[in-house]
Amino acid sequence: MNAIALATHPANRDASAVAVRDLHFGRSTGTIFKVTAGYVPGFRGMTAPGHFTNEADAIEWVELYASAQTVAL
């Protein structure tokens, strides 16, 4: 899962990237990755366009993104 979500993100050059939290929304999972520069959230193969300085902000991004995706379906 790490490789898929980080494939299009600049953090893919960060060998220290590791998944630190999974968030479940129905049958979908959001993942928070810890990288050297901060946290990168991902959901359904999409990652945030930048880094977050703390995990709470990254979690909020996933929650907002997931709710927008659910409404769009």
PDB file of N, CA and C in Angstrom:
ATOM      1  N   MET A   1       0.819  -1.188   0.000  1.00  0.00           N
ATOM      2  CA  MET A   1       0.000   0.000   0.000  1.00  0.00           C
ATOM      3  C   MET A   1       0.864   1.253   0.000  1.00  0.00           C
ATOM      4  N   ASN A   2       1.982   1.237   0.686  1.00  0.00           N
ATOM      5  CA  ASN A   2       2.865   2.402   0.709  1.00  0.00           C
ATOM      6  C   ASN A   2       3.270   2.816  -0.698  1.00  0.00           C
ATOM      7  N   ALA A   3       3.679   1.869  -1.505  1.00  0.00           N
ATOM      8  CA  ALA A   3       4.184   2.177  -2.841  1.00  0.00           C
ATOM      9  C   ALA A   3       3.100   2.773  -3.722  1.00  0.00           C
ATOM     10  N   ILE A   4       1.873   2.293  -3.624  1.00  0.00           N
ATOM     11  CA  ILE A   4       0.789   2.797  -4.462  1.00  0.00           C
ATOM     12  C   ILE A   4       0.470   4.242  -4.114  1.00  0.00           C
ATOM     13  N   ALA A   5       0.248   4.536  -2.847  1.00  0.00           N
ATOM     14  CA  ALA A   5      -0.162   5.879  -2.437  1.00  0.00           C
ATOM     15  C   ALA A   5       0.952   6.903  -2.598  1.00  0.00           C
ATOM     16  N   LEU A   6       2.180   6.512  -2.418  1.00  0.00           N
ATOM     17  CA  LEU A   6       3.284   7.461  -2.507  1.00  0.00           C
ATOM     18  C   LEU A   6       3.878   7.575  -3.905  1.00  0.00           C
ATOM     19  N   ALA A   7       3.405   6.780  -4.828  1.00  0.00           N
ATOM     20  CA  ALA A   7       4.004   6.753  -6.163  1.00  0.00           C
ATOM     21  C   ALA A   7       3.988   8.108  -6.856  1.00  0.00           C
ATOM     22  N   THR A   8       2.967   8.906  -6.629  1.00  0.00           N
ATOM     23  CA  THR A   8       2.851  10.195  -7.309  1.00  0.00           C
ATOM     24  C   THR A   8       3.204  11.365  -6.405  1.00  0.00           C
ATOM     25  N   HIS A   9       3.757  11.093  -5.248  1.00  0.00           N
ATOM     26  CA  HIS A   9       4.054  12.146  -4.280  1.00  0.00           C
ATOM     27  C   HIS A   9       5.567  12.349  -4.164  1.00  0.00           C
ATOM     28  N   PRO A  10       6.019  13.582  -3.953  1.00  0.00           N
ATOM     29  CA  PRO A  10       7.460  13.833  -3.805  1.00  0.00           C
ATOM     30  C   PRO A  10       8.113  13.019  -2.684  1.00  0.00           C
ATOM     31  N   ALA A  11       7.316  12.583  -1.717  1.00  0.00           N
ATOM     32  CA  ALA A  11       7.868  11.802  -0.609  1.00  0.00           C
ATOM     33  C   ALA A  11       8.355  10.431  -1.057  1.00  0.00           C
ATOM     34  N   ASN A  12       8.042  10.045  -2.296  1.00  0.00           N
ATOM     35  CA  ASN A  12       8.481   8.723  -2.748  1.00  0.00           C
ATOM     36  C   ASN A  12      10.003   8.639  -2.824  1.00  0.00           C
ATOM     37  N   ARG A  13      10.669   9.760  -2.750  1.00  0.00           N
ATOM     38  CA  ARG A  13      12.133   9.762  -2.738  1.00  0.00           C
ATOM     39  C   ARG A  13      12.685   9.664  -1.319  1.00  0.00           C
ATOM     40  N   ASP A  14      11.783   9.582  -0.353  1.00  0.00           N
ATOM     41  CA  ASP A  14      12.162   9.525   1.058  1.00  0.00           C
ATOM     42  C   ASP A  14      12.143   8.073   1.521  1.00  0.00           C
ATOM     43  N   ALA A  15      13.307   7.486   1.668  1.00  0.00           N
ATOM     44  CA  ALA A  15      13.402   6.081   2.050  1.00  0.00           C
ATOM     45  C   ALA A  15      12.856   5.810   3.440  1.00  0.00           C
ATOM     46  N   SER A  16      12.665   6.857   4.252  1.00  0.00           N
ATOM     47  CA  SER A  16      12.156   6.653   5.603  1.00  0.00           C
ATOM     48  C   SER A  16      10.631   6.614   5.661  1.00  0.00           C
ATOM     49  N   ALA A  17       9.929   6.798   4.543  1.00  0.00           N
ATOM     50  CA  ALA A  17       8.462   6.828   4.535  1.00  0.00           C
ATOM     51  C   ALA A  17       7.897   5.532   5.100  1.00  0.00           C
ATOM     52  N   VAL A  18       6.968   5.684   6.036  1.00  0.00           N
ATOM     53  CA  VAL A  18       6.336   4.523   6.657  1.00  0.00           C
ATOM     54  C   VAL A  18       4.892   4.878   7.003  1.00  0.00           C
ATOM     55  N   ALA A  19       3.989   3.919   6.838  1.00  0.00           N
ATOM     56  CA  ALA A  19       2.592   4.122   7.206  1.00  0.00           C
ATOM     57  C   ALA A  19       2.483   4.091   8.731  1.00  0.00           C
ATOM     58  N   VAL A  20       1.875   5.128   9.309  1.00  0.00           N
ATOM     59  CA  VAL A  20       1.763   5.194  10.772  1.00  0.00           C
ATOM     60  C   VAL A  20       0.331   5.073  11.274  1.00  0.00           C
ATOM     61  N   ARG A  21      -0.657   5.257  10.395  1.00  0.00           N
ATOM     62  CA  ARG A  21      -2.050   5.148  10.833  1.00  0.00           C
ATOM     63  C   ARG A  21      -2.948   4.835   9.646  1.00  0.00           C
ATOM     64  N   ASP A  22      -3.898   3.922   9.872  1.00  0.00           N
ATOM     65  CA  ASP A  22      -4.930   3.624   8.887  1.00  0.00           C
ATOM     66  C   ASP A  22      -6.263   4.096   9.437  1.00  0.00           C
ATOM     67  N   LEU A  23      -7.059   4.728   8.588  1.00  0.00           N
ATOM     68  CA  LEU A  23      -8.386   5.217   8.952  1.00  0.00           C
ATOM     69  C   LEU A  23      -9.394   4.551   8.022  1.00  0.00           C
ATOM     70  N   HIS A  24     -10.433   3.967   8.575  1.00  0.00           N
ATOM     71  CA  HIS A  24     -11.393   3.217   7.771  1.00  0.00           C
ATOM     72  C   HIS A  24     -12.688   4.004   7.591  1.00  0.00           C
ATOM     73  N   PHE A  25     -13.143   4.067   6.343  1.00  0.00           N
ATOM     74  CA  PHE A  25     -14.379   4.743   5.965  1.00  0.00           C
ATOM     75  C   PHE A  25     -15.169   3.762   5.104  1.00  0.00           C
ATOM     76  N   GLY A  26     -16.086   3.037   5.718  1.00  0.00           N
ATOM     77  CA  GLY A  26     -16.795   1.994   4.977  1.00  0.00           C
ATOM     78  C   GLY A  26     -15.810   0.939   4.512  1.00  0.00           C
ATOM     79  N   ARG A  27     -15.763   0.715   3.196  1.00  0.00           N
ATOM     80  CA  ARG A  27     -14.823  -0.272   2.645  1.00  0.00           C
ATOM     81  C   ARG A  27     -13.535   0.361   2.154  1.00  0.00           C
ATOM     82  N   SER A  28     -13.353   1.645   2.401  1.00  0.00           N
ATOM     83  CA  SER A  28     -12.140   2.355   1.965  1.00  0.00           C
ATOM     84  C   SER A  28     -11.236   2.643   3.161  1.00  0.00           C
ATOM     85  N   THR A  29      -9.957   2.761   2.886  1.00  0.00           N
ATOM     86  CA  THR A  29      -8.977   3.034   3.941  1.00  0.00           C
ATOM     87  C   THR A  29      -8.133   4.240   3.568  1.00  0.00           C
ATOM     88  N   GLY A  30      -7.987   5.150   4.513  1.00  0.00           N
ATOM     89  CA  GLY A  30      -7.060   6.264   4.375  1.00  0.00           C
ATOM     90  C   GLY A  30      -5.807   5.916   5.166  1.00  0.00           C
ATOM     91  N   THR A  31      -4.671   6.365   4.718  1.00  0.00           N
ATOM     92  CA  THR A  31      -3.413   6.055   5.397  1.00  0.00           C
ATOM     93  C   THR A  31      -2.607   7.327   5.602  1.00  0.00           C
ATOM     94  N   ILE A  32      -2.009   7.432   6.782  1.00  0.00           N
ATOM     95  CA  ILE A  32      -1.115   8.544   7.085  1.00  0.00           C
ATOM     96  C   ILE A  32       0.305   8.001   7.041  1.00  0.00           C
ATOM     97  N   PHE A  33       1.144   8.646   6.230  1.00  0.00           N
ATOM     98  CA  PHE A  33       2.546   8.251   6.100  1.00  0.00           C
ATOM     99  C   PHE A  33       3.420   9.261   6.817  1.00  0.00           C
ATOM    100  N   LYS A  34       4.415   8.787   7.554  1.00  0.00           N
ATOM    101  CA  LYS A  34       5.408   9.644   8.193  1.00  0.00           C
ATOM    102  C   LYS A  34       6.625   9.676   7.288  1.00  0.00           C
ATOM    103  N   VAL A  35       7.013  10.878   6.907  1.00  0.00           N
ATOM    104  CA  VAL A  35       8.216  11.077   6.097  1.00  0.00           C
ATOM    105  C   VAL A  35       9.099  12.087   6.824  1.00  0.00           C
ATOM    106  N   THR A  36      10.291  12.273   6.353  1.00  0.00           N
ATOM    107  CA  THR A  36      11.231  13.168   7.018  1.00  0.00           C
ATOM    108  C   THR A  36      10.664  14.570   7.202  1.00  0.00           C
ATOM    109  N   ALA A  37       9.962  15.084   6.191  1.00  0.00           N
ATOM    110  CA  ALA A  37       9.451  16.455   6.234  1.00  0.00           C
ATOM    111  C   ALA A  37       8.143  16.602   6.996  1.00  0.00           C
ATOM    112  N   GLY A  38       7.514  15.516   7.418  1.00  0.00           N
ATOM    113  CA  GLY A  38       6.252  15.608   8.146  1.00  0.00           C
ATOM    114  C   GLY A  38       5.362  14.410   7.873  1.00  0.00           C
ATOM    115  N   TYR A  39       4.089  14.681   7.576  1.00  0.00           N
ATOM    116  CA  TYR A  39       3.100  13.627   7.366  1.00  0.00           C
ATOM    117  C   TYR A  39       2.420  13.821   6.020  1.00  0.00           C
ATOM    118  N   VAL A  40       2.187  12.713   5.325  1.00  0.00           N
ATOM    119  CA  VAL A  40       1.511  12.740   4.034  1.00  0.00           C
ATOM    120  C   VAL A  40       0.289  11.827   4.138  1.00  0.00           C
ATOM    121  N   PRO A  41      -0.925  12.391   4.006  1.00  0.00           N
ATOM    122  CA  PRO A  41      -2.119  11.554   4.038  1.00  0.00           C
ATOM    123  C   PRO A  41      -2.481  11.053   2.643  1.00  0.00           C
ATOM    124  N   GLY A  42      -3.065   9.867   2.591  1.00  0.00           N
ATOM    125  CA  GLY A  42      -3.518   9.319   1.328  1.00  0.00           C
ATOM    126  C   GLY A  42      -4.866   8.641   1.483  1.00  0.00           C
ATOM    127  N   PHE A  43      -5.665   8.676   0.406  1.00  0.00           N
ATOM    128  CA  PHE A  43      -6.983   8.032   0.416  1.00  0.00           C
ATOM    129  C   PHE A  43      -7.328   7.637  -1.009  1.00  0.00           C
ATOM    130  N   ARG A  44      -7.686   6.373  -1.224  1.00  0.00           N
ATOM    131  CA  ARG A  44      -8.074   5.852  -2.538  1.00  0.00           C
ATOM    132  C   ARG A  44      -7.046   6.179  -3.620  1.00  0.00           C
ATOM    133  N   GLY A  45      -5.787   5.974  -3.322  1.00  0.00           N
ATOM    134  CA  GLY A  45      -4.731   6.194  -4.306  1.00  0.00           C
ATOM    135  C   GLY A  45      -4.357   7.643  -4.538  1.00  0.00           C
ATOM    136  N   MET A  46      -4.977   8.564  -3.804  1.00  0.00           N
ATOM    137  CA  MET A  46      -4.678   9.996  -3.929  1.00  0.00           C
ATOM    138  C   MET A  46      -3.954  10.444  -2.663  1.00  0.00           C
ATOM    139  N   THR A  47      -2.878  11.183  -2.825  1.00  0.00           N
ATOM    140  CA  THR A  47      -2.202  11.744  -1.665  1.00  0.00           C
ATOM    141  C   THR A  47      -2.345  13.251  -1.683  1.00  0.00           C
ATOM    142  N   ALA A  48      -2.213  13.857  -0.503  1.00  0.00           N
ATOM    143  CA  ALA A  48      -2.274  15.315  -0.407  1.00  0.00           C
ATOM    144  C   ALA A  48      -1.126  15.896  -1.239  1.00  0.00           C
ATOM    145  N   PRO A  49      -1.317  17.096  -1.766  1.00  0.00           N
ATOM    146  CA  PRO A  49      -0.285  17.685  -2.619  1.00  0.00           C
ATOM    147  C   PRO A  49       0.974  18.132  -1.880  1.00  0.00           C
ATOM    148  N   GLY A  50       0.970  18.108  -0.566  1.00  0.00           N
ATOM    149  CA  GLY A  50       2.142  18.536   0.201  1.00  0.00           C
ATOM    150  C   GLY A  50       2.244  17.787   1.512  1.00  0.00           C
ATOM    151  N   HIS A  51       3.128  18.247   2.355  1.00  0.00           N
ATOM    152  CA  HIS A  51       3.335  17.632   3.667  1.00  0.00           C
ATOM    153  C   HIS A  51       2.575  18.414   4.732  1.00  0.00           C
ATOM    154  N   PHE A  52       2.167  17.720   5.781  1.00  0.00           N
ATOM    155  CA  PHE A  52       1.591  18.359   6.953  1.00  0.00           C
ATOM    156  C   PHE A  52       2.613  18.264   8.076  1.00  0.00           C
ATOM    157  N   THR A  53       2.646  19.272   8.925  1.00  0.00           N
ATOM    158  CA  THR A  53       3.645  19.283   9.997  1.00  0.00           C
ATOM    159  C   THR A  53       3.252  18.413  11.176  1.00  0.00           C
ATOM    160  N   ASN A  54       1.953  18.073  11.286  1.00  0.00           N
ATOM    161  CA  ASN A  54       1.552  17.199  12.389  1.00  0.00           C
ATOM    162  C   ASN A  54       0.529  16.172  11.912  1.00  0.00           C
ATOM    163  N   GLU A  55       0.431  15.101  12.652  1.00  0.00           N
ATOM    164  CA  GLU A  55      -0.438  13.987  12.277  1.00  0.00           C
ATOM    165  C   GLU A  55      -1.916  14.380  12.321  1.00  0.00           C
ATOM    166  N   ALA A  56      -2.304  15.221  13.268  1.00  0.00           N
ATOM    167  CA  ALA A  56      -3.709  15.630  13.397  1.00  0.00           C
ATOM    168  C   ALA A  56      -4.211  16.335  12.137  1.00  0.00           C
ATOM    169  N   ASP A  57      -3.400  17.210  11.550  1.00  0.00           N
ATOM    170  CA  ASP A  57      -3.794  17.892  10.320  1.00  0.00           C
ATOM    171  C   ASP A  57      -3.899  16.906   9.153  1.00  0.00           C
ATOM    172  N   ALA A  58      -3.019  15.939   9.121  1.00  0.00           N
ATOM    173  CA  ALA A  58      -3.065  14.928   8.062  1.00  0.00           C
ATOM    174  C   ALA A  58      -4.334  14.077   8.197  1.00  0.00           C
ATOM    175  N   ILE A  59      -4.698  13.731   9.418  1.00  0.00           N
ATOM    176  CA  ILE A  59      -5.930  12.974   9.658  1.00  0.00           C
ATOM    177  C   ILE A  59      -7.143  13.790   9.223  1.00  0.00           C
ATOM    178  N   GLU A  60      -7.140  15.073   9.546  1.00  0.00           N
ATOM    179  CA  GLU A  60      -8.255  15.941   9.150  1.00  0.00           C
ATOM    180  C   GLU A  60      -8.389  15.983   7.624  1.00  0.00           C
ATOM    181  N   TRP A  61      -7.265  16.049   6.908  1.00  0.00           N
ATOM    182  CA  TRP A  61      -7.311  16.071   5.444  1.00  0.00           C
ATOM    183  C   TRP A  61      -7.973  14.804   4.925  1.00  0.00           C
ATOM    184  N   VAL A  62      -7.588  13.640   5.472  1.00  0.00           N
ATOM    185  CA  VAL A  62      -8.177  12.374   5.027  1.00  0.00           C
ATOM    186  C   VAL A  62      -9.676  12.360   5.309  1.00  0.00           C
ATOM    187  N   GLU A  63     -10.075  12.803   6.500  1.00  0.00           N
ATOM    188  CA  GLU A  63     -11.497  12.807   6.850  1.00  0.00           C
ATOM    189  C   GLU A  63     -12.301  13.707   5.914  1.00  0.00           C
ATOM    190  N   LEU A  64     -11.786  14.896   5.622  1.00  0.00           N
ATOM    191  CA  LEU A  64     -12.483  15.817   4.716  1.00  0.00           C
ATOM    192  C   LEU A  64     -12.524  15.266   3.294  1.00  0.00           C
ATOM    193  N   TYR A  65     -11.408  14.735   2.828  1.00  0.00           N
ATOM    194  CA  TYR A  65     -11.335  14.166   1.486  1.00  0.00           C
ATOM    195  C   TYR A  65     -12.278  12.977   1.355  1.00  0.00           C
ATOM    196  N   ALA A  66     -12.291  12.105   2.372  1.00  0.00           N
ATOM    197  CA  ALA A  66     -13.176  10.931   2.352  1.00  0.00           C
ATOM    198  C   ALA A  66     -14.640  11.332   2.338  1.00  0.00           C
ATOM    199  N   SER A  67     -14.992  12.343   3.123  1.00  0.00           N
ATOM    200  CA  SER A  67     -16.396  12.772   3.148  1.00  0.00           C
ATOM    201  C   SER A  67     -16.788  13.389   1.808  1.00  0.00           C
ATOM    202  N   ALA A  68     -15.900  14.104   1.169  1.00  0.00           N
ATOM    203  CA  ALA A  68     -16.186  14.677  -0.151  1.00  0.00           C
ATOM    204  C   ALA A  68     -16.349  13.570  -1.193  1.00  0.00           C
ATOM    205  N   GLN A  69     -15.547  12.521  -1.111  1.00  0.00           N
ATOM    206  CA  GLN A  69     -15.644  11.410  -2.042  1.00  0.00           C
ATOM    207  C   GLN A  69     -16.950  10.658  -1.845  1.00  0.00           C
ATOM    208  N   THR A  70     -17.386  10.502  -0.601  1.00  0.00           N
ATOM    209  CA  THR A  70     -18.619   9.798  -0.292  1.00  0.00           C
ATOM    210  C   THR A  70     -19.818  10.560  -0.847  1.00  0.00           C
ATOM    211  N   VAL A  71     -19.806  11.881  -0.710  1.00  0.00           N
ATOM    212  CA  VAL A  71     -20.888  12.711  -1.235  1.00  0.00           C
ATOM    213  C   VAL A  71     -20.925  12.628  -2.753  1.00  0.00           C
ATOM    214  N   ALA A  72     -19.764  12.573  -3.386  1.00  0.00           N
ATOM    215  CA  ALA A  72     -19.671  12.555  -4.836  1.00  0.00           C
ATOM    216  C   ALA A  72     -20.200  11.249  -5.426  1.00  0.00           C
ATOM    217  N   LEU A  73     -20.166  10.165  -4.642  1.00  0.00           N
ATOM    218  CA  LEU A  73     -20.632   8.882  -5.147  1.00  0.00           C
ATOM    219  C   LEU A  73     -22.123   8.910  -5.179  1.00  0.00           C
TER     220      LEU A  73
END
